[in-house]
Amino acid sequence: MKHNFARHRMTLIEILVAMTILMVIMYIVMQTFSSTQIIWRKTGQTSDLYEKARLITSLLTQDLQQIAVSDTPGAEITWSTWTAGLPPDMQIAFVSSSGIGVEAGPDKSLLAEIGYKHTDSRLFRCITTQSETAAKWDFLDNPTSTWAAVTSWEDETLVTDHVMDFTVIAYNDASVDMKTTAATSFDANTLPQYIYIEFTLRAMNVHENQADDNSTDRKFSKLIYLAREYD
C-alpha cells in the first residue's frame, strides 16, 4: 500500500519569522558577550589601580616611618616638603633608614637621601646612599641649606606611571601646613606630627595601555603619623 505525503515547503513568512528569531538570539548573545567584556575590563582596571596605589603608599610609609632627623650642631639632618626649598618637581625630600634600594655592607650605612618626584604623570623615587661621593651625599655637608641645592641623585626609579597629580603635605603639632610655609618658620630638624599623601591615578586599558574614554580618574589618600608623645 502506497502513501503519498505532500512535501511541506516553507513559506516566505515562515522564513522571515525564523530569521528574525535567529537575529534576536544572536543580538542577545552579542550583548551578553559585550557586557562580560566590559565587566572584565573594568575589573582589570580597578585591580591595576589599587595595585599601583598600594605600591605608592607602601613605599612612602616604609620610607617615612624610618625617617631620620637630627639637630646636633654640625650634623643636622633635615627634611622638606616646602615647595620653594625642593628641586623642581620634587614633593618631599628626607633621610631614611628604611634600607629600600640600599646595598648593605660593612662600610655602608642604611641611611639614604630619598626624594619623591612627580613629573609628566610619572612618580619617581630618587635615592642617594652614603657610599656615594660627597657631591651627591651632601645633607651633612650643608646642614643649613635647603634641599633645592640637590642637583643629582644616585638613582631614580620609576614607581609607577599615569599618576595625574601627587601631593605630600606635612603638618606639625599645631596642624600647620608645611608645604607652603617657609623653612625658617618651623623646625626641619624634628619630626612632623603626620604627613598626608594624596594622588590621582588614571585607569588604563590593561591590554593596550591606553586610557579608557569611559573611565574616570580615581583619587587615593594616606595619612602617616610620625611624631609620638609619651606620658
Protein backbone atom coordinates (compact mmCIF):
# COMPACT_ATOMS: atom_id res chain seq x y z
CA MET A 1 0.00 0.00 0.00
CA LYS A 2 1.48 3.30 -1.03
CA HIS A 3 1.20 6.52 0.91
CA ASN A 4 1.72 9.86 -0.72
CA PHE A 5 2.93 12.57 1.61
CA ALA A 6 2.87 16.13 0.38
CA ARG A 7 6.26 17.70 0.80
CA HIS A 8 5.95 20.73 3.07
CA ARG A 9 7.62 23.86 1.74
CA MET A 10 8.40 26.84 4.00
CA THR A 11 6.58 29.96 3.09
CA LEU A 12 8.29 33.34 2.86
CA ILE A 13 6.59 34.44 6.08
CA GLU A 14 7.97 31.41 7.96
CA ILE A 15 11.47 32.10 6.67
CA LEU A 16 11.26 35.73 7.76
CA VAL A 17 9.99 34.71 11.21
CA ALA A 18 12.82 32.18 11.62
CA MET A 19 15.43 34.72 10.55
CA THR A 20 14.00 37.29 12.97
CA ILE A 21 14.15 34.85 15.87
CA LEU A 22 17.74 33.94 14.95
CA MET A 23 18.76 37.59 14.80
CA VAL A 24 17.18 38.26 18.21
CA ILE A 25 19.07 35.33 19.72
CA MET A 26 22.34 36.49 18.12
CA TYR A 27 21.73 40.03 19.44
CA ILE A 28 21.18 38.75 22.98
CA VAL A 29 24.33 36.63 22.80
CA MET A 30 26.42 39.54 21.50
CA GLN A 31 25.07 41.89 24.17
CA THR A 32 25.87 39.38 26.87
CA PHE A 33 29.38 38.89 25.48
CA SER A 34 29.92 42.66 25.25
CA SER A 35 28.72 43.21 28.83
CA THR A 36 31.02 40.46 30.06
CA GLN A 37 33.96 42.08 28.27
CA ILE A 38 33.19 45.47 29.82
CA ILE A 39 32.93 43.99 33.31
CA TRP A 40 36.15 42.04 32.83
CA ARG A 41 37.99 45.13 31.55
CA LYS A 42 36.71 47.32 34.39
CA THR A 43 37.70 44.69 36.93
CA GLY A 44 41.22 44.56 35.46
CA GLN A 45 41.49 48.35 35.50
CA THR A 46 40.31 48.58 39.11
CA SER A 47 42.72 45.87 40.19
CA ASP A 48 45.58 47.66 38.40
CA LEU A 49 44.70 50.99 40.04
CA TYR A 50 44.63 49.54 43.55
CA GLU A 51 47.87 47.65 42.95
CA LYS A 52 49.57 50.91 41.95
CA ALA A 53 48.05 52.73 44.92
CA ARG A 54 49.28 50.05 47.33
CA LEU A 55 52.78 50.29 45.86
CA ILE A 56 52.90 54.08 46.30
CA THR A 57 51.53 54.13 49.83
CA SER A 58 53.63 51.14 50.92
CA LEU A 59 56.91 52.68 49.72
CA LEU A 60 56.18 56.08 51.23
CA THR A 61 55.02 54.59 54.52
CA GLN A 62 58.14 52.44 54.91
CA ASP A 63 60.46 55.31 53.98
CA LEU A 64 58.73 57.91 56.16
CA GLN A 65 58.31 55.70 59.21
CA GLN A 66 62.10 55.29 59.21
CA ILE A 67 62.83 58.99 58.63
CA ALA A 68 66.00 60.27 60.33
CA VAL A 69 66.31 63.76 61.79
CA SER A 70 68.98 65.40 63.90
CA ASP A 71 69.51 68.80 65.48
CA THR A 72 73.10 68.11 66.55
CA PRO A 73 75.18 71.19 65.65
CA GLY A 74 77.29 70.49 62.59
CA ALA A 75 75.47 67.21 61.90
CA GLU A 76 71.92 68.34 61.32
CA ILE A 77 69.63 66.07 59.31
CA THR A 78 66.66 67.86 57.83
CA TRP A 79 63.66 67.07 55.65
CA SER A 80 61.46 69.26 53.49
CA THR A 81 58.07 69.47 51.83
CA TRP A 82 58.47 73.20 51.30
CA THR A 83 57.88 73.76 47.59
CA ALA A 84 60.41 76.59 47.29
CA GLY A 85 63.02 74.54 49.15
CA LEU A 86 62.95 71.49 46.89
CA PRO A 87 64.37 70.63 43.47
CA PRO A 88 61.95 71.00 40.51
CA ASP A 89 59.00 68.56 40.62
CA MET A 90 60.14 67.17 43.98
CA GLN A 91 57.32 66.75 46.51
CA ILE A 92 59.28 65.65 49.57
CA ALA A 93 62.93 65.01 50.45
CA PHE A 94 64.35 63.44 53.60
CA VAL A 95 66.84 60.96 55.02
CA SER A 96 65.61 57.48 55.85
CA SER A 97 66.93 54.23 57.26
CA SER A 98 64.28 52.07 55.56
CA GLY A 99 67.04 50.30 53.63
CA ILE A 100 64.94 50.03 50.46
CA GLY A 101 67.29 50.24 47.48
CA VAL A 102 70.41 50.31 49.67
CA GLU A 103 73.07 47.65 49.37
CA ALA A 104 74.06 46.55 52.85
CA GLY A 105 77.73 46.16 53.67
CA PRO A 106 80.32 46.66 56.43
CA ASP A 107 81.36 50.02 55.01
CA LYS A 108 77.89 51.22 54.06
CA SER A 109 75.16 52.78 56.13
CA LEU A 110 71.48 52.05 55.65
CA LEU A 111 70.87 55.79 55.70
CA ALA A 112 69.94 57.26 52.35
CA GLU A 113 68.75 60.57 50.96
CA ILE A 114 65.32 59.98 49.45
CA GLY A 115 63.08 62.18 47.37
CA TYR A 116 59.81 61.62 45.55
CA LYS A 117 59.45 63.43 42.25
CA HIS A 118 56.29 63.80 40.17
CA THR A 119 56.77 64.78 36.53
CA ASP A 120 54.98 64.02 33.25
CA SER A 121 52.35 61.92 35.05
CA ARG A 122 55.06 59.65 36.45
CA LEU A 123 56.22 59.18 40.03
CA PHE A 124 59.92 58.62 40.69
CA ARG A 125 61.72 57.57 43.87
CA CYS A 126 65.14 59.24 43.96
CA ILE A 127 67.87 57.92 46.24
CA THR A 128 71.48 58.66 47.15
CA THR A 129 73.35 56.41 49.57
CA GLN A 130 76.13 57.33 51.97
CA SER A 131 78.59 55.37 49.83
CA GLU A 132 78.30 57.99 47.11
CA THR A 133 80.63 60.97 46.70
CA ALA A 134 80.22 64.00 48.92
CA ALA A 135 78.96 65.99 45.92
CA LYS A 136 75.77 63.93 45.96
CA TRP A 137 75.68 62.79 49.60
CA ASP A 138 75.57 66.31 50.95
CA PHE A 139 72.95 66.77 53.65
CA LEU A 140 75.60 66.71 56.38
CA ASP A 141 77.95 68.96 54.43
CA ASN A 142 75.39 71.75 54.14
CA PRO A 143 73.09 71.45 57.15
CA THR A 144 71.62 74.91 56.84
CA SER A 145 70.96 74.84 53.09
CA THR A 146 67.67 73.75 51.58
CA TRP A 147 67.18 70.54 49.62
CA ALA A 148 66.92 72.69 46.50
CA ALA A 149 70.71 72.50 46.30
CA VAL A 150 70.48 68.80 45.40
CA THR A 151 71.02 68.69 41.64
CA SER A 152 71.54 64.96 41.08
CA TRP A 153 70.73 61.63 42.65
CA GLU A 154 72.49 58.30 42.61
CA ASP A 155 69.42 56.54 41.24
CA GLU A 156 65.95 57.48 40.03
CA THR A 157 63.49 54.60 39.92
CA LEU A 158 60.06 54.82 38.32
CA VAL A 159 57.49 53.85 40.93
CA THR A 160 54.53 53.95 38.56
CA ASP A 161 53.06 55.94 35.70
CA HIS A 162 49.69 57.53 34.92
CA VAL A 163 49.82 59.49 38.17
CA MET A 164 47.80 62.58 37.29
CA ASP A 165 48.63 64.52 40.46
CA PHE A 166 50.67 63.84 43.57
CA THR A 167 50.80 65.89 46.76
CA VAL A 168 52.62 65.38 50.05
CA ILE A 169 51.75 67.70 52.93
CA ALA A 170 53.45 67.61 56.32
CA TYR A 171 51.85 69.04 59.45
CA ASN A 172 53.44 69.98 62.74
CA ASP A 173 51.82 69.50 66.13
CA ALA A 174 49.74 72.64 65.55
CA SER A 175 48.40 71.26 62.25
CA VAL A 176 50.23 73.93 60.27
CA ASP A 177 50.68 73.08 56.60
CA MET A 178 54.45 72.97 56.00
CA LYS A 179 54.24 72.74 52.21
CA THR A 180 53.61 76.43 51.61
CA THR A 181 55.42 77.62 54.71
CA ALA A 182 58.96 78.98 54.62
CA ALA A 183 61.57 76.63 56.05
CA THR A 184 62.53 79.17 58.70
CA SER A 185 59.06 79.11 60.24
CA PHE A 186 59.28 75.56 61.54
CA ASP A 187 61.93 73.20 62.85
CA ALA A 188 63.04 70.99 59.96
CA ASN A 189 65.30 69.06 62.34
CA THR A 190 62.36 67.50 64.17
CA LEU A 191 59.67 65.10 63.02
CA PRO A 192 56.39 66.44 61.71
CA GLN A 193 53.32 65.23 63.55
CA TYR A 194 51.89 63.50 60.49
CA ILE A 195 52.15 63.50 56.71
CA TYR A 196 49.20 63.48 54.34
CA ILE A 197 49.60 61.92 50.89
CA GLU A 198 47.08 62.42 48.10
CA PHE A 199 47.34 61.30 44.48
CA THR A 200 45.15 60.54 41.47
CA LEU A 201 45.61 57.53 39.21
CA ARG A 202 44.12 57.19 35.74
CA ALA A 203 42.55 53.93 34.63
CA MET A 204 44.26 52.38 31.62
CA ASN A 205 43.32 49.57 29.25
CA VAL A 206 45.35 46.74 30.78
CA HIS A 207 45.95 45.19 27.37
CA GLU A 208 46.53 48.24 25.16
CA ASN A 209 47.98 50.56 27.84
CA GLN A 210 45.64 53.31 26.71
CA ALA A 211 43.23 55.48 28.60
CA ASP A 212 39.64 54.29 28.64
CA ASP A 213 37.34 57.05 27.37
CA ASN A 214 34.53 55.80 29.59
CA SER A 215 36.61 55.66 32.76
CA THR A 216 37.33 58.33 35.33
CA ASP A 217 40.39 59.11 37.40
CA ARG A 218 40.45 57.75 40.93
CA LYS A 219 41.82 59.64 43.92
CA PHE A 220 43.65 57.97 46.80
CA SER A 221 44.94 59.32 50.10
CA LYS A 222 47.00 58.15 53.05
CA LEU A 223 47.71 59.65 56.46
CA ILE A 224 51.02 58.66 58.06
CA TYR A 225 51.62 59.54 61.71
CA LEU A 226 55.25 60.09 62.67
CA ALA A 227 55.78 62.13 65.85
CA ARG A 228 54.66 60.40 69.02
CA GLU A 229 54.25 61.75 72.51
CA TYR A 230 54.77 59.64 75.60
CA ASP A 231 53.44 60.35 79.06
